[in-house]
């Protein structure tokens, strides 16, 4: 299993129990109310601190598990994702307890009115079956190949403007030389509708509506979200409360009781 919910970035501050309690009481009312009803977010954290505070919007994350980071750029900048928290400025979590056993588990309490994106699956990798039947790494490889072979460019996975230009260039070449579509790999060669520009089609593969993503707020999850243990992400400032390696929710219960 990939370390999907293992936070290794050094971007989380350790805070005192009193500071955590004060933030939960004054800044995280929605997440606290959701927790009381059994609806919450969590993730693994490479730290043994009991309480933490993170501001993900101040950092830029990059996937460590896919050969290209282009899907993060699309989910952070393309117009179809504008209502969602930018993926590159977010922390990735699970609804309910984390699926991964790596690191120490923490319950995540985003500040009130933070945006939370929710995948249809337990992992983003498997959440685009509304538009393609493969994992992100394979689709990344196909797009990288298209840009390299047809557009004669190296795929940019760090800059949105460059990625757009490279995809546009590839689409322009295919529009003027449709015979070059034979160089597309895998199901791209079979499924790309030639009456749609290649770059527009690539963006449509990641459409959140077609793939049944959901935009919500802290604590506002459904029973099905928790049953499937869906992946979610938020760019909101968040308080982290450790469960220890034994997943003792009583630690969180006691803290919530103390602020009531």
Protein backbone atom coordinates (compact mmCIF):
# COMPACT_ATOMS: atom_id res chain seq x y z
CA UNK A 1 0.00 0.00 0.00
CA UNK A 2 1.25 3.49 -0.82
CA UNK A 3 1.88 5.86 2.09
CA UNK A 4 -1.18 7.80 1.03
CA UNK A 5 -1.78 9.56 4.33
CA UNK A 6 1.73 9.86 5.71
CA UNK A 7 2.63 13.51 6.27
CA UNK A 8 6.39 13.89 5.94
CA UNK A 9 6.62 17.60 5.22
CA UNK A 10 8.11 19.72 7.99
CA UNK A 11 5.22 22.15 7.95
CA UNK A 12 3.37 21.30 11.15
CA UNK A 13 3.93 23.17 14.40
CA UNK A 14 3.72 21.40 17.76
CA UNK A 15 1.32 23.24 20.07
CA UNK A 16 0.29 22.87 23.72
CA UNK A 17 -2.94 21.18 24.87
CA UNK A 18 -4.27 24.58 26.00
CA UNK A 19 -3.53 26.13 22.61
CA UNK A 20 -5.23 23.21 20.85
CA UNK A 21 -8.29 23.48 23.10
CA UNK A 22 -8.56 27.23 22.53
CA UNK A 23 -8.33 26.90 18.75
CA UNK A 24 -10.90 24.10 18.70
CA UNK A 25 -13.29 26.17 20.78
CA UNK A 26 -12.91 29.43 18.86
CA UNK A 27 -11.91 28.45 15.31
CA UNK A 28 -13.08 24.88 14.66
CA UNK A 29 -16.73 24.77 15.75
CA UNK A 30 -17.95 23.06 12.57
CA UNK A 31 -15.30 20.33 12.75
CA UNK A 32 -15.89 19.83 16.48
CA UNK A 33 -19.65 19.52 15.97
CA UNK A 34 -19.02 17.06 13.16
CA UNK A 35 -16.71 15.00 15.37
CA UNK A 36 -19.38 14.78 18.05
CA UNK A 37 -21.66 13.22 15.43
CA UNK A 38 -18.94 10.82 14.29
CA UNK A 39 -17.93 12.78 11.17
CA UNK A 40 -14.27 13.77 11.03
CA UNK A 41 -11.02 13.76 9.06
CA UNK A 42 -7.69 12.15 9.93
CA UNK A 43 -4.27 11.30 8.55
CA UNK A 44 -0.94 9.76 9.47
CA UNK A 45 1.74 12.18 10.64
CA UNK A 46 5.49 11.53 10.91
CA UNK A 47 5.70 12.98 14.38
CA UNK A 48 5.00 11.80 17.91
CA UNK A 49 3.62 15.17 19.10
CA UNK A 50 0.24 15.11 20.81
CA UNK A 51 -1.10 18.33 19.29
CA UNK A 52 -0.22 20.22 16.13
CA UNK A 53 -1.20 23.13 13.93
CA UNK A 54 -0.76 23.31 10.16
CA UNK A 55 -1.34 26.01 7.53
CA UNK A 56 -1.20 24.04 4.28
CA UNK A 57 -1.94 27.04 2.05
CA UNK A 58 1.51 28.42 2.92
CA UNK A 59 3.30 25.45 1.38
CA UNK A 60 3.30 23.72 -2.00
CA UNK A 61 2.98 19.95 -2.04
CA UNK A 62 3.95 17.59 -4.82
CA UNK A 63 2.89 13.99 -5.18
CA UNK A 64 5.68 11.56 -4.36
CA UNK A 65 3.94 8.57 -5.92
CA UNK A 66 3.16 9.51 -9.53
CA UNK A 67 5.79 9.92 -12.25
CA UNK A 68 4.33 13.33 -13.08
CA UNK A 69 2.73 15.94 -10.90
CA UNK A 70 0.59 17.36 -13.71
CA UNK A 71 -2.73 16.16 -12.22
CA UNK A 72 -1.97 18.23 -9.11
CA UNK A 73 -1.50 21.30 -11.32
CA UNK A 74 -4.80 20.64 -13.11
CA UNK A 75 -6.67 20.14 -9.81
CA UNK A 76 -5.13 23.32 -8.43
CA UNK A 77 -5.56 25.64 -11.42
CA UNK A 78 -7.98 24.45 -14.09
CA UNK A 79 -11.32 26.26 -14.17
CA UNK A 80 -13.28 23.05 -13.53
CA UNK A 81 -11.63 22.89 -10.07
CA UNK A 82 -11.81 26.56 -9.09
CA UNK A 83 -14.37 25.97 -6.34
CA UNK A 84 -12.24 23.27 -4.71
CA UNK A 85 -9.28 23.77 -2.40
CA UNK A 86 -6.12 23.75 -4.56
CA UNK A 87 -4.57 20.31 -4.27
CA UNK A 88 -1.01 21.66 -4.23
CA UNK A 89 -1.84 23.88 -1.24
CA UNK A 90 -3.64 21.25 0.84
CA UNK A 91 -3.11 18.40 3.25
CA UNK A 92 -4.49 15.03 2.18
CA UNK A 93 -6.63 13.14 4.69
CA UNK A 94 -9.15 10.33 5.10
CA UNK A 95 -12.77 10.68 6.13
CA UNK A 96 -12.82 8.78 9.42
CA UNK A 97 -9.72 6.91 10.58
CA UNK A 98 -6.82 6.77 8.10
CA UNK A 99 -6.56 3.74 5.84
CA UNK A 100 -2.78 3.69 6.13
CA UNK A 101 -1.06 2.39 9.28
CA UNK A 102 2.08 4.40 8.62
CA UNK A 103 3.00 7.18 10.99
CA UNK A 104 0.97 8.24 14.00
CA UNK A 105 -2.75 8.89 13.37
CA UNK A 106 -4.15 12.36 14.00
CA UNK A 107 -7.69 13.70 13.83
CA UNK A 108 -7.72 16.85 11.68
CA UNK A 109 -9.93 19.81 12.66
CA UNK A 110 -9.95 22.47 9.89
CA UNK A 111 -10.96 26.02 10.76
CA UNK A 112 -14.59 26.96 10.22
CA UNK A 113 -15.73 27.34 6.61
CA UNK A 114 -12.58 25.76 5.20
CA UNK A 115 -13.16 24.05 1.88
CA UNK A 116 -12.87 20.26 1.84
CA UNK A 117 -12.70 18.22 -1.36
CA UNK A 118 -13.88 14.60 -1.12
CA UNK A 119 -12.94 11.83 -3.57
CA UNK A 120 -15.37 9.10 -4.60
CA UNK A 121 -12.87 6.45 -3.52
CA UNK A 122 -10.51 5.71 -0.62
CA UNK A 123 -7.66 6.99 -2.81
CA UNK A 124 -7.37 9.70 -5.44
CA UNK A 125 -5.61 7.20 -7.72
CA UNK A 126 -8.87 5.28 -8.18
CA UNK A 127 -11.29 8.22 -8.22
CA UNK A 128 -11.42 8.99 -11.95
CA UNK A 129 -13.20 5.91 -13.22
CA UNK A 130 -15.97 8.15 -14.52
CA UNK A 131 -13.61 9.17 -17.33
CA UNK A 132 -10.81 6.58 -17.48
CA UNK A 133 -10.22 3.04 -16.23
CA UNK A 134 -6.61 3.32 -15.15
CA UNK A 135 -4.62 4.70 -12.24
CA UNK A 136 -3.11 8.15 -12.34
CA UNK A 137 0.42 6.93 -12.95
CA UNK A 138 -0.54 5.18 -16.18
CA UNK A 139 -2.55 8.15 -17.47
CA UNK A 140 0.35 10.42 -16.48
CA UNK A 141 2.69 8.28 -18.55
CA UNK A 142 0.40 8.46 -21.59
CA UNK A 143 0.10 12.24 -21.42
CA UNK A 144 3.83 12.65 -20.86
CA UNK A 145 4.46 10.49 -23.93
CA UNK A 146 1.99 12.50 -26.06
CA UNK A 147 3.68 15.78 -25.19
CA UNK A 148 7.17 14.36 -25.69
CA UNK A 149 6.55 12.56 -28.99
CA UNK A 150 3.91 14.73 -30.65
CA UNK A 151 4.66 18.12 -29.11
CA UNK A 152 8.41 17.42 -28.91
CA UNK A 153 8.46 18.84 -25.39
CA UNK A 154 9.28 17.57 -21.91
CA UNK A 155 6.24 17.60 -19.66
CA UNK A 156 6.34 20.36 -17.06
CA UNK A 157 5.06 19.20 -13.70
CA UNK A 158 5.97 22.27 -11.65
CA UNK A 159 4.44 25.19 -13.54
CA UNK A 160 0.81 25.52 -14.63
CA UNK A 161 1.45 28.07 -17.38
CA UNK A 162 4.10 25.86 -18.96
CA UNK A 163 1.91 22.77 -18.72
CA UNK A 164 -0.94 24.61 -20.48
CA UNK A 165 1.39 25.75 -23.26
CA UNK A 166 2.80 22.24 -23.73
CA UNK A 167 -0.67 20.68 -23.91
CA UNK A 168 -1.83 23.42 -26.29
CA UNK A 169 1.18 22.84 -28.52
CA UNK A 170 0.47 19.12 -28.63
CA UNK A 171 -3.19 19.79 -29.44
CA UNK A 172 -2.20 22.22 -32.21
CA UNK A 173 0.08 19.64 -33.79
CA UNK A 174 -2.66 17.01 -33.70
CA UNK A 175 -5.16 19.47 -35.15
CA UNK A 176 -2.90 20.24 -38.10
CA UNK A 177 -1.50 16.72 -38.47
CA UNK A 178 -4.21 14.27 -37.34
CA UNK A 179 -2.17 11.35 -38.68
CA UNK A 180 0.22 11.84 -35.75
CA UNK A 181 -2.48 10.53 -33.43
CA UNK A 182 -1.10 7.09 -34.26
CA UNK A 183 1.74 7.94 -31.88
CA UNK A 184 -0.62 8.24 -28.91
CA UNK A 185 -0.20 5.39 -26.48
CA UNK A 186 -2.65 3.01 -24.84
CA UNK A 187 -6.32 3.91 -24.68
CA UNK A 188 -5.53 7.50 -25.63
CA UNK A 189 -5.04 6.30 -29.19
CA UNK A 190 -8.41 4.52 -29.13
CA UNK A 191 -10.55 6.88 -27.08
CA UNK A 192 -9.55 10.44 -27.98
CA UNK A 193 -12.52 11.91 -29.93
CA UNK A 194 -10.93 13.71 -32.86
CA UNK A 195 -13.66 16.34 -32.95
CA UNK A 196 -12.46 17.61 -29.54
CA UNK A 197 -9.11 19.36 -29.10
CA UNK A 198 -6.62 17.09 -27.37
CA UNK A 199 -5.87 19.54 -24.54
CA UNK A 200 -9.58 20.11 -23.82
CA UNK A 201 -10.11 16.36 -23.78
CA UNK A 202 -7.23 15.82 -21.33
CA UNK A 203 -8.68 18.41 -18.95
CA UNK A 204 -12.11 16.77 -19.23
CA UNK A 205 -10.65 13.48 -17.99
CA UNK A 206 -10.18 15.13 -14.61
CA UNK A 207 -13.58 16.82 -14.43
CA UNK A 208 -14.78 16.70 -10.80
CA UNK A 209 -18.47 16.45 -11.76
CA UNK A 210 -18.00 13.55 -14.14
CA UNK A 211 -15.97 11.75 -11.49
CA UNK A 212 -18.37 12.51 -8.64
CA UNK A 213 -16.07 14.51 -6.42
CA UNK A 214 -17.75 16.50 -3.69
CA UNK A 215 -17.07 19.92 -2.18
CA UNK A 216 -18.02 20.29 1.46
CA UNK A 217 -17.13 21.93 4.78
CA UNK A 218 -15.52 20.58 7.99
CA UNK A 219 -17.60 17.91 9.68
CA UNK A 220 -20.18 17.79 6.89
CA UNK A 221 -19.66 14.20 5.72
CA UNK A 222 -22.09 11.39 5.05
CA UNK A 223 -22.17 7.89 6.49
CA UNK A 224 -21.18 6.56 3.07
CA UNK A 225 -18.07 8.79 3.03
CA UNK A 226 -16.91 7.13 6.23
CA UNK A 227 -17.97 3.64 5.25
CA UNK A 228 -15.77 3.78 2.15
CA UNK A 229 -13.09 5.77 4.01
CA UNK A 230 -12.85 8.30 1.20
CA UNK A 231 -9.80 10.42 0.61
CA UNK A 232 -10.28 14.15 1.17
CA UNK A 233 -8.15 17.27 1.24
CA UNK A 234 -8.29 20.82 2.60
CA UNK A 235 -6.22 23.98 2.34
CA UNK A 236 -7.69 25.32 5.59
CA UNK A 237 -5.66 26.01 8.72
CA UNK A 238 -6.09 22.92 10.89
CA UNK A 239 -5.60 21.65 14.42
CA UNK A 240 -4.20 18.11 14.71
CA UNK A 241 -4.94 15.90 17.70
CA UNK A 242 -2.87 12.72 18.04
CA UNK A 243 -4.46 9.35 18.74
CA UNK A 244 -1.16 7.59 19.56
CA UNK A 245 -0.29 4.44 17.66
CA UNK A 246 -3.19 2.66 19.39
CA UNK A 247 -5.87 4.81 17.68
CA UNK A 248 -7.41 5.90 20.98
CA UNK A 249 -10.24 8.27 20.11
CA UNK A 250 -10.76 8.76 23.85
CA UNK A 251 -7.89 11.25 23.71
CA UNK A 252 -9.91 13.42 21.35
CA UNK A 253 -13.13 12.83 23.28
CA UNK A 254 -11.53 14.11 26.48
CA UNK A 255 -10.23 17.24 24.74
CA UNK A 256 -13.62 17.96 23.17
CA UNK A 257 -15.31 17.49 26.56
CA UNK A 258 -12.89 19.98 28.09
CA UNK A 259 -14.03 22.81 25.78
CA UNK A 260 -17.76 22.15 26.09
